[in-house]
């Protein structure tokens, strides 16, 4: 098994050859799924892609960037941590 390079960083430049085809495939993947099943399929996709990337530093960088401007709380839906403390 090959280890990732020491200086790997998240690439955020546009690299998809056909971004519209990717978007179509992503939408099609969710077609006819309930919200709960759609979230499960997203989680599976994330884990598959994380395994493919294989570099925790790159994954942490991606997670930080993805969460960067996400609102905390106030969505009306309690987080898993909040639900666990309310029981």
C-alpha atoms as a PDB file:
ATOM      1  CA  UNK A   1       0.000   0.000   0.000  1.00  0.00           C
ATOM      2  CA  UNK A   2       1.353   3.402  -0.998  1.00  0.00           C
ATOM      3  CA  UNK A   3       1.322   6.173   1.576  1.00  0.00           C
ATOM      4  CA  UNK A   4       0.158   9.656   0.579  1.00  0.00           C
ATOM      5  CA  UNK A   5       2.738  12.389  -0.002  1.00  0.00           C
ATOM      6  CA  UNK A   6       3.779  14.313   3.108  1.00  0.00           C
ATOM      7  CA  UNK A   7       2.806  17.698   1.696  1.00  0.00           C
ATOM      8  CA  UNK A   8      -0.634  16.822   0.270  1.00  0.00           C
ATOM      9  CA  UNK A   9      -3.171  19.641   0.396  1.00  0.00           C
ATOM     10  CA  UNK A  10      -6.781  19.858  -0.607  1.00  0.00           C
ATOM     11  CA  UNK A  11      -7.139  20.844  -4.236  1.00  0.00           C
ATOM     12  CA  UNK A  12      -9.940  23.336  -4.722  1.00  0.00           C
ATOM     13  CA  UNK A  13      -9.233  24.264  -8.324  1.00  0.00           C
ATOM     14  CA  UNK A  14     -11.842  23.106 -10.849  1.00  0.00           C
ATOM     15  CA  UNK A  15     -10.865  19.579 -11.897  1.00  0.00           C
ATOM     16  CA  UNK A  16     -14.083  17.961 -13.119  1.00  0.00           C
ATOM     17  CA  UNK A  17     -13.974  17.447 -16.865  1.00  0.00           C
ATOM     18  CA  UNK A  18     -17.780  17.572 -17.042  1.00  0.00           C
ATOM     19  CA  UNK A  19     -19.218  19.185 -13.895  1.00  0.00           C
ATOM     20  CA  UNK A  20     -22.752  19.125 -15.331  1.00  0.00           C
ATOM     21  CA  UNK A  21     -22.573  15.356 -15.810  1.00  0.00           C
ATOM     22  CA  UNK A  22     -21.379  14.959 -12.228  1.00  0.00           C
ATOM     23  CA  UNK A  23     -24.224  17.132 -10.934  1.00  0.00           C
ATOM     24  CA  UNK A  24     -26.750  15.140 -12.974  1.00  0.00           C
ATOM     25  CA  UNK A  25     -25.365  11.862 -11.609  1.00  0.00           C
ATOM     26  CA  UNK A  26     -25.494  13.225  -8.054  1.00  0.00           C
ATOM     27  CA  UNK A  27     -29.112  14.315  -8.453  1.00  0.00           C
ATOM     28  CA  UNK A  28     -30.008  10.981 -10.062  1.00  0.00           C
ATOM     29  CA  UNK A  29     -28.406   9.130  -7.137  1.00  0.00           C
ATOM     30  CA  UNK A  30     -30.952  10.817  -4.832  1.00  0.00           C
ATOM     31  CA  UNK A  31     -34.003  10.435  -7.072  1.00  0.00           C
ATOM     32  CA  UNK A  32     -36.994   8.856  -5.311  1.00  0.00           C
ATOM     33  CA  UNK A  33     -35.172   8.570  -1.958  1.00  0.00           C
ATOM     34  CA  UNK A  34     -36.614   9.785   1.326  1.00  0.00           C
ATOM     35  CA  UNK A  35     -34.689  12.538   3.137  1.00  0.00           C
ATOM     36  CA  UNK A  36     -33.383   9.961   5.618  1.00  0.00           C
ATOM     37  CA  UNK A  37     -32.235   7.543   2.914  1.00  0.00           C
ATOM     38  CA  UNK A  38     -30.719  10.405   0.925  1.00  0.00           C
ATOM     39  CA  UNK A  39     -28.665  11.432   3.972  1.00  0.00           C
ATOM     40  CA  UNK A  40     -27.512   7.816   4.393  1.00  0.00           C
ATOM     41  CA  UNK A  41     -26.472   7.612   0.728  1.00  0.00           C
ATOM     42  CA  UNK A  42     -24.564  10.898   1.115  1.00  0.00           C
ATOM     43  CA  UNK A  43     -22.769   9.515   4.175  1.00  0.00           C
ATOM     44  CA  UNK A  44     -21.806   6.369   2.259  1.00  0.00           C
ATOM     45  CA  UNK A  45     -20.515   8.449  -0.647  1.00  0.00           C
ATOM     46  CA  UNK A  46     -18.460  10.615   1.727  1.00  0.00           C
ATOM     47  CA  UNK A  47     -16.903   7.541   3.352  1.00  0.00           C
ATOM     48  CA  UNK A  48     -16.101   5.962  -0.019  1.00  0.00           C
ATOM     49  CA  UNK A  49     -14.446   9.149  -1.262  1.00  0.00           C
ATOM     50  CA  UNK A  50     -12.607   9.651   2.045  1.00  0.00           C
ATOM     51  CA  UNK A  51     -11.212   6.151   1.755  1.00  0.00           C
ATOM     52  CA  UNK A  52     -10.149   6.899  -1.818  1.00  0.00           C
ATOM     53  CA  UNK A  53      -8.375  10.095  -0.698  1.00  0.00           C
ATOM     54  CA  UNK A  54      -6.801   8.306   2.255  1.00  0.00           C
ATOM     55  CA  UNK A  55      -4.977  11.321   3.724  1.00  0.00           C
ATOM     56  CA  UNK A  56      -6.382  12.549   7.044  1.00  0.00           C
ATOM     57  CA  UNK A  57      -4.763  15.980   6.653  1.00  0.00           C
ATOM     58  CA  UNK A  58      -6.515  16.520   3.324  1.00  0.00           C
ATOM     59  CA  UNK A  59      -9.778  15.221   4.773  1.00  0.00           C
ATOM     60  CA  UNK A  60      -9.539  17.542   7.785  1.00  0.00           C
ATOM     61  CA  UNK A  61      -8.851  20.462   5.448  1.00  0.00           C
ATOM     62  CA  UNK A  62     -11.926  19.555   3.379  1.00  0.00           C
ATOM     63  CA  UNK A  63     -14.098  19.198   6.498  1.00  0.00           C
ATOM     64  CA  UNK A  64     -12.980  22.587   7.828  1.00  0.00           C
ATOM     65  CA  UNK A  65     -13.665  24.242   4.479  1.00  0.00           C
ATOM     66  CA  UNK A  66     -17.080  22.575   4.165  1.00  0.00           C
ATOM     67  CA  UNK A  67     -18.113  23.736   7.639  1.00  0.00           C
ATOM     68  CA  UNK A  68     -16.557  27.205   7.354  1.00  0.00           C
ATOM     69  CA  UNK A  69     -19.727  29.253   6.856  1.00  0.00           C
ATOM     70  CA  UNK A  70     -22.289  26.727   8.083  1.00  0.00           C
ATOM     71  CA  UNK A  71     -24.706  28.206  10.628  1.00  0.00           C
ATOM     72  CA  UNK A  72     -24.478  26.648  14.064  1.00  0.00           C
ATOM     73  CA  UNK A  73     -27.833  25.813  15.613  1.00  0.00           C
ATOM     74  CA  UNK A  74     -30.976  27.714  14.809  1.00  0.00           C
ATOM     75  CA  UNK A  75     -32.004  25.339  12.033  1.00  0.00           C
ATOM     76  CA  UNK A  76     -34.881  24.010  14.090  1.00  0.00           C
ATOM     77  CA  UNK A  77     -33.435  20.518  13.966  1.00  0.00           C
ATOM     78  CA  UNK A  78     -31.378  19.504  17.005  1.00  0.00           C
ATOM     79  CA  UNK A  79     -27.981  18.020  16.339  1.00  0.00           C
ATOM     80  CA  UNK A  80     -27.258  14.425  17.321  1.00  0.00           C
ATOM     81  CA  UNK A  81     -25.353  15.657  20.364  1.00  0.00           C
ATOM     82  CA  UNK A  82     -28.297  17.816  21.419  1.00  0.00           C
ATOM     83  CA  UNK A  83     -30.761  14.933  20.981  1.00  0.00           C
ATOM     84  CA  UNK A  84     -28.558  12.648  23.060  1.00  0.00           C
ATOM     85  CA  UNK A  85     -28.409  15.120  25.959  1.00  0.00           C
ATOM     86  CA  UNK A  86     -32.146  15.780  25.909  1.00  0.00           C
ATOM     87  CA  UNK A  87     -33.103  12.185  26.690  1.00  0.00           C
END
